[in-house]
Amino acid sequence: MKYFIVFFIFFTAGATAQIPKLYNHTSNDVHVIHSRLLNQNRLLYIHVPKLDSADKNKPLPVLYLLDGENHFHILSAYIEYLRHWQIIPPTIVVGIVSVDRVKDLTPTNSLINFDGKVDSNYKTSGGNEQFLDFIQQELMPYIDANYRTSAFKIFAGHSFGGLTAINCMLMRPDMFDSYIAISPSLWFGDKYVLRLAEQKLPNLSIRDKFLFYSVGSEGGTFRNDLLKFDKLFRKYSSKTFEHKYTYYQHEDHMTEPIPAYYDALRFVYKNWKYK
């Protein structure tokens, strides 16, 4: 037994010496702000990455995330890990917690659900423009006033959130520098945003931006709709508007965000170099 103990101590000591130094995931802030435009309080989850001493005074990019209650911890963990290994820059994550996501994340009123049936749960739909006003006129100034931010901003969402990201890009292209749309619900409102893309893209002058859009193995028209959008975007987008379409064959609607958000971050920051 004594020999075993000595060997065990020696073995674990040697193994410990080979393990990279651990780092701590920084704590997240929880804020509540009152929106005059929405006439309600909004809950925010905010992740500020841990900074090395050389970076403490640098302004940071900001990623605004829809459905913060679902994907905030995934994205903040990805960013913290990739930042730690100097793959992407430190980035603040602002997770916007949903109140009425059907209202906030749909651009037109429609009572027709994914199955093509009238659904009373959709009666509040169509409040996306007002919600984008809140982000642009109230939330962004609040974040800029309370954190050291740079001009680079990312907008990310899944499902109805992905629909919102594409709608924002079409209607307010200069509001963000990068857009991430995971499984966008382009079926909603008789394909309202897909039809909007057909109208807007031919005359939309957008330069030096990024768009990542993806879909999994999902029912309905999710993939066909996104392929139609991809065809339109490839036809009309500027060569300086970098875009990437990804199909996750082995993921469904709810598991796709896990690999997709990681790939989206790598794409958005693909040209970034550590200095």
Protein backbone atom coordinates (compact mmCIF):
# COMPACT_ATOMS: atom_id res chain seq x y z
CA MET A 1 0.00 0.00 0.00
CA LYS A 2 2.84 2.43 0.80
CA TYR A 3 4.34 1.88 -2.62
CA PHE A 4 0.97 2.53 -4.21
CA ILE A 5 0.55 5.81 -2.33
CA VAL A 6 4.03 7.02 -3.28
CA PHE A 7 3.44 6.10 -6.91
CA PHE A 8 0.02 7.79 -6.92
CA ILE A 9 1.41 11.01 -5.50
CA PHE A 10 4.23 10.98 -8.02
CA PHE A 11 1.86 10.26 -10.90
CA THR A 12 -0.68 12.95 -10.01
CA ALA A 13 2.02 15.53 -9.41
CA GLY A 14 3.45 14.85 -12.85
CA ALA A 15 0.03 14.95 -14.48
CA THR A 16 -0.85 18.23 -12.77
CA ALA A 17 2.27 19.83 -14.18
CA GLN A 18 1.03 19.07 -17.70
CA ILE A 19 -2.41 20.65 -17.26
CA PRO A 20 -2.73 24.22 -18.56
CA LYS A 21 -3.38 26.85 -15.94
CA LEU A 22 -7.08 27.14 -15.25
CA TYR A 23 -8.95 30.39 -15.74
CA ASN A 24 -12.12 31.60 -14.08
CA HIS A 25 -15.24 32.42 -16.04
CA THR A 26 -16.20 35.93 -15.00
CA SER A 27 -19.51 36.54 -13.29
CA ASN A 28 -22.43 38.00 -15.20
CA ASP A 29 -24.29 41.20 -14.45
CA VAL A 30 -28.08 41.33 -14.23
CA HIS A 31 -29.69 44.67 -15.07
CA VAL A 32 -33.28 45.86 -15.22
CA ILE A 33 -33.97 48.93 -17.33
CA HIS A 34 -37.24 50.70 -17.96
CA SER A 35 -38.20 51.21 -21.60
CA ARG A 36 -40.25 54.29 -22.31
CA LEU A 37 -40.86 53.08 -25.86
CA LEU A 38 -42.15 49.66 -24.79
CA ASN A 39 -43.68 50.93 -21.54
CA GLN A 40 -42.21 48.04 -19.54
CA ASN A 41 -39.16 46.96 -17.59
CA ARG A 42 -36.67 44.75 -19.45
CA LEU A 43 -34.32 42.23 -17.87
CA LEU A 44 -30.79 41.98 -19.26
CA TYR A 45 -28.01 39.46 -18.71
CA ILE A 46 -24.63 41.06 -19.39
CA HIS A 47 -21.34 39.23 -19.67
CA VAL A 48 -18.13 41.24 -19.53
CA PRO A 49 -15.12 39.08 -20.41
CA LYS A 50 -12.14 38.82 -18.12
CA LEU A 51 -9.43 41.12 -19.43
CA ASP A 52 -5.67 40.92 -19.23
CA SER A 53 -3.99 43.97 -17.75
CA ALA A 54 -2.93 45.14 -21.22
CA ASP A 55 -6.54 45.13 -22.44
CA LYS A 56 -8.32 46.72 -19.48
CA ASN A 57 -8.66 50.12 -21.11
CA LYS A 58 -9.56 48.88 -24.59
CA PRO A 59 -13.12 49.42 -25.86
CA LEU A 60 -14.92 46.14 -26.52
CA PRO A 61 -17.28 44.95 -29.26
CA VAL A 62 -20.82 44.15 -28.13
CA LEU A 63 -22.98 41.19 -29.12
CA TYR A 64 -26.72 41.78 -28.61
CA LEU A 65 -28.44 38.43 -28.15
CA LEU A 66 -32.16 37.74 -28.46
CA ASP A 67 -33.82 35.10 -26.25
CA GLY A 68 -31.18 35.76 -23.63
CA GLU A 69 -32.85 33.33 -21.24
CA ASN A 70 -32.01 30.45 -23.59
CA HIS A 71 -28.61 31.00 -25.17
CA PHE A 72 -26.82 33.61 -23.07
CA HIS A 73 -24.68 31.15 -21.12
CA ILE A 74 -23.71 29.22 -24.26
CA LEU A 75 -22.49 32.32 -26.07
CA SER A 76 -20.76 33.90 -23.10
CA ALA A 77 -18.91 30.62 -22.45
CA TYR A 78 -17.83 30.37 -26.09
CA ILE A 79 -16.63 33.96 -26.07
CA GLU A 80 -14.75 33.56 -22.80
CA TYR A 81 -13.00 30.40 -23.99
CA LEU A 82 -12.09 31.73 -27.44
CA ARG A 83 -10.97 35.03 -25.95
CA HIS A 84 -8.76 33.23 -23.44
CA TRP A 85 -6.92 31.46 -26.28
CA GLN A 86 -6.75 34.67 -28.32
CA ILE A 87 -8.93 33.33 -31.15
CA ILE A 88 -11.42 36.20 -30.98
CA PRO A 89 -11.33 39.57 -29.21
CA PRO A 90 -12.96 40.09 -25.80
CA THR A 91 -16.63 40.78 -26.51
CA ILE A 92 -19.43 41.96 -24.24
CA VAL A 93 -22.63 39.89 -24.47
CA VAL A 94 -25.98 41.55 -23.80
CA GLY A 95 -28.71 38.93 -23.44
CA ILE A 96 -32.18 40.43 -23.83
CA VAL A 97 -34.64 38.33 -21.85
CA SER A 98 -37.96 37.80 -23.60
CA VAL A 99 -41.25 39.20 -22.31
CA ASP A 100 -43.56 38.59 -25.28
CA ARG A 101 -41.30 37.12 -27.95
CA VAL A 102 -44.13 36.69 -30.45
CA LYS A 103 -44.75 40.42 -30.28
CA ASP A 104 -41.13 41.59 -30.14
CA LEU A 105 -39.64 39.21 -32.69
CA THR A 106 -42.17 39.26 -35.54
CA PRO A 107 -42.34 42.03 -38.17
CA THR A 108 -46.01 41.76 -39.13
CA ASN A 109 -49.26 40.64 -37.55
CA SER A 110 -50.28 37.09 -38.39
CA LEU A 111 -52.38 34.53 -36.53
CA ILE A 112 -51.13 31.60 -38.60
CA ASN A 113 -48.72 29.32 -36.76
CA PHE A 114 -46.01 26.95 -38.02
CA ASP A 115 -48.61 24.24 -38.74
CA GLY A 116 -50.70 26.61 -40.88
CA LYS A 117 -53.47 26.93 -38.30
CA VAL A 118 -55.04 30.00 -36.70
CA ASP A 119 -53.44 30.41 -33.28
CA SER A 120 -54.62 32.91 -30.66
CA ASN A 121 -51.14 32.87 -29.12
CA TYR A 122 -50.03 34.94 -32.13
CA LYS A 123 -52.52 37.77 -31.61
CA THR A 124 -49.81 40.15 -30.31
CA SER A 125 -47.49 39.54 -33.28
CA GLY A 126 -46.08 42.39 -35.34
CA GLY A 127 -44.16 44.50 -32.80
CA ASN A 128 -40.67 44.04 -34.21
CA GLU A 129 -40.15 47.64 -35.38
CA GLN A 130 -40.98 49.04 -31.96
CA PHE A 131 -38.66 46.48 -30.36
CA LEU A 132 -35.82 47.48 -32.70
CA ASP A 133 -36.47 51.11 -31.75
CA PHE A 134 -35.99 50.10 -28.11
CA ILE A 135 -32.66 48.42 -28.88
CA GLN A 136 -31.38 51.30 -31.00
CA GLN A 137 -32.66 54.28 -29.02
CA GLU A 138 -32.61 53.01 -25.43
CA LEU A 139 -30.61 49.82 -24.96
CA MET A 140 -27.54 50.67 -27.02
CA PRO A 141 -27.07 54.10 -25.36
CA TYR A 142 -27.49 52.43 -21.96
CA ILE A 143 -24.78 49.86 -22.69
CA ASP A 144 -22.45 52.48 -24.17
CA ALA A 145 -22.91 54.66 -21.08
CA ASN A 146 -22.19 51.86 -18.61
CA TYR A 147 -19.44 49.90 -20.36
CA ARG A 148 -16.37 50.70 -22.41
CA THR A 149 -17.64 49.76 -25.88
CA SER A 150 -16.27 49.97 -29.39
CA ALA A 151 -18.26 50.75 -32.52
CA PHE A 152 -18.41 47.09 -33.61
CA LYS A 153 -21.80 45.52 -32.84
CA ILE A 154 -23.23 42.05 -33.52
CA PHE A 155 -26.91 41.05 -33.57
CA ALA A 156 -27.75 37.39 -32.99
CA GLY A 157 -30.93 35.35 -32.72
CA HIS A 158 -32.49 31.93 -33.20
CA SER A 159 -35.86 31.02 -34.75
CA PHE A 160 -38.01 34.15 -34.36
CA GLY A 161 -34.77 35.79 -33.19
CA GLY A 162 -33.11 34.79 -36.47
CA LEU A 163 -36.08 36.24 -38.32
CA THR A 164 -35.57 39.49 -36.41
CA ALA A 165 -31.86 39.57 -37.27
CA ILE A 166 -32.59 39.29 -41.01
CA ASN A 167 -35.45 41.80 -40.83
CA CYS A 168 -33.16 44.26 -39.05
CA MET A 169 -30.45 43.77 -41.66
CA LEU A 170 -32.94 44.51 -44.46
CA MET A 171 -34.64 47.47 -42.80
CA ARG A 172 -31.79 48.95 -40.73
CA PRO A 173 -28.58 47.65 -42.32
CA ASP A 174 -26.32 50.14 -40.54
CA MET A 175 -27.61 49.32 -37.07
CA PHE A 176 -25.13 46.45 -36.67
CA ASP A 177 -21.85 45.37 -38.25
CA SER A 178 -22.58 41.64 -38.15
CA TYR A 179 -25.79 39.61 -38.18
CA ILE A 180 -26.26 36.02 -37.00
CA ALA A 181 -29.50 34.24 -37.92
CA ILE A 182 -29.85 30.67 -36.63
CA SER A 183 -32.83 28.77 -38.10
CA PRO A 184 -34.72 31.98 -38.99
CA SER A 185 -38.49 31.47 -39.07
CA LEU A 186 -38.88 32.72 -42.63
CA TRP A 187 -42.20 30.87 -42.86
CA PHE A 188 -43.87 33.42 -40.58
CA GLY A 189 -46.48 35.81 -41.99
CA ASP A 190 -46.77 34.06 -45.35
CA LYS A 191 -42.97 34.36 -45.73
CA TYR A 192 -43.10 38.10 -45.06
CA VAL A 193 -39.33 38.59 -44.57
CA LEU A 194 -38.45 36.38 -47.55
CA ARG A 195 -40.68 38.55 -49.74
CA LEU A 196 -39.13 41.63 -48.15
CA ALA A 197 -35.68 40.32 -49.10
CA GLU A 198 -36.79 40.03 -52.73
CA GLN A 199 -37.77 43.71 -52.64
CA LYS A 200 -34.88 45.12 -50.62
CA LEU A 201 -31.78 43.17 -51.63
CA PRO A 202 -31.53 44.39 -55.27
CA ASN A 203 -31.15 48.00 -54.09
CA LEU A 204 -29.58 47.45 -50.67
CA SER A 205 -26.13 49.02 -50.50
CA ILE A 206 -24.29 47.30 -47.66
CA ARG A 207 -20.52 47.11 -47.38
CA ASP A 208 -17.98 45.65 -44.99
CA LYS A 209 -20.40 43.59 -42.93
CA PHE A 210 -20.91 39.94 -42.03
CA LEU A 211 -23.95 37.67 -42.14
CA PHE A 212 -24.02 34.08 -40.84
CA TYR A 213 -27.22 32.10 -41.42
CA SER A 214 -27.89 28.44 -40.81
CA VAL A 215 -30.51 25.72 -40.56
CA GLY A 216 -30.74 22.20 -39.18
CA SER A 217 -32.74 19.12 -40.12
CA GLU A 218 -36.10 20.64 -39.32
CA GLY A 219 -39.67 20.12 -40.39
CA GLY A 220 -41.72 22.37 -42.61
CA THR A 221 -40.09 24.81 -45.00
CA PHE A 222 -37.19 26.00 -42.81
CA ARG A 223 -34.42 24.73 -45.10
CA ASN A 224 -36.11 25.49 -48.44
CA ASP A 225 -36.91 29.02 -47.30
CA LEU A 226 -33.33 29.65 -46.22
CA LEU A 227 -31.99 28.24 -49.48
CA LYS A 228 -34.20 30.72 -51.35
CA PHE A 229 -32.84 33.52 -49.17
CA ASP A 230 -29.28 32.29 -49.78
CA LYS A 231 -29.85 32.35 -53.54
CA LEU A 232 -31.19 35.90 -53.35
CA PHE A 233 -28.34 37.05 -51.15
CA ARG A 234 -25.68 35.55 -53.40
CA LYS A 235 -27.26 37.25 -56.41
CA TYR A 236 -27.60 40.74 -55.01
CA SER A 237 -25.21 41.22 -52.09
CA SER A 238 -22.03 43.27 -52.30
CA LYS A 239 -18.74 41.41 -52.54
CA THR A 240 -17.64 43.19 -49.38
CA PHE A 241 -20.66 41.89 -47.43
CA GLU A 242 -19.25 38.55 -46.35
CA HIS A 243 -21.81 35.83 -45.76
CA LYS A 244 -21.91 32.15 -44.89
CA TYR A 245 -24.71 29.61 -45.10
CA THR A 246 -24.37 26.38 -43.09
CA TYR A 247 -26.59 23.31 -42.99
CA TYR A 248 -26.38 21.20 -39.82
CA GLN A 249 -27.68 17.90 -41.07
CA HIS A 250 -27.48 16.14 -37.71
CA GLU A 251 -29.04 18.87 -35.58
CA ASP A 252 -32.68 19.76 -35.04
CA HIS A 253 -34.26 23.12 -34.34
CA MET A 254 -33.34 23.16 -30.64
CA THR A 255 -29.84 21.61 -30.81
CA GLU A 256 -28.58 23.58 -33.79
CA PRO A 257 -27.72 26.76 -31.81
CA ILE A 258 -24.99 24.88 -29.92
CA PRO A 259 -22.65 24.34 -32.91
CA ALA A 260 -24.04 27.23 -34.95
CA TYR A 261 -23.23 30.02 -32.51
CA TYR A 262 -19.66 28.75 -32.19
CA ASP A 263 -19.23 28.64 -35.97
CA ALA A 264 -20.83 32.08 -36.29
CA LEU A 265 -18.33 33.62 -33.87
CA ARG A 266 -15.42 32.07 -35.76
CA PHE A 267 -16.82 33.42 -39.04
CA VAL A 268 -17.51 36.94 -37.79
CA TYR A 269 -14.00 37.22 -36.32
CA LYS A 270 -12.16 35.22 -38.99
CA ASN A 271 -9.99 38.19 -39.96
CA TRP A 272 -9.20 39.24 -36.39
CA LYS A 273 -5.59 38.98 -35.26
CA TYR A 274 -4.32 39.25 -31.71
CA LYS A 275 -2.18 42.32 -31.17
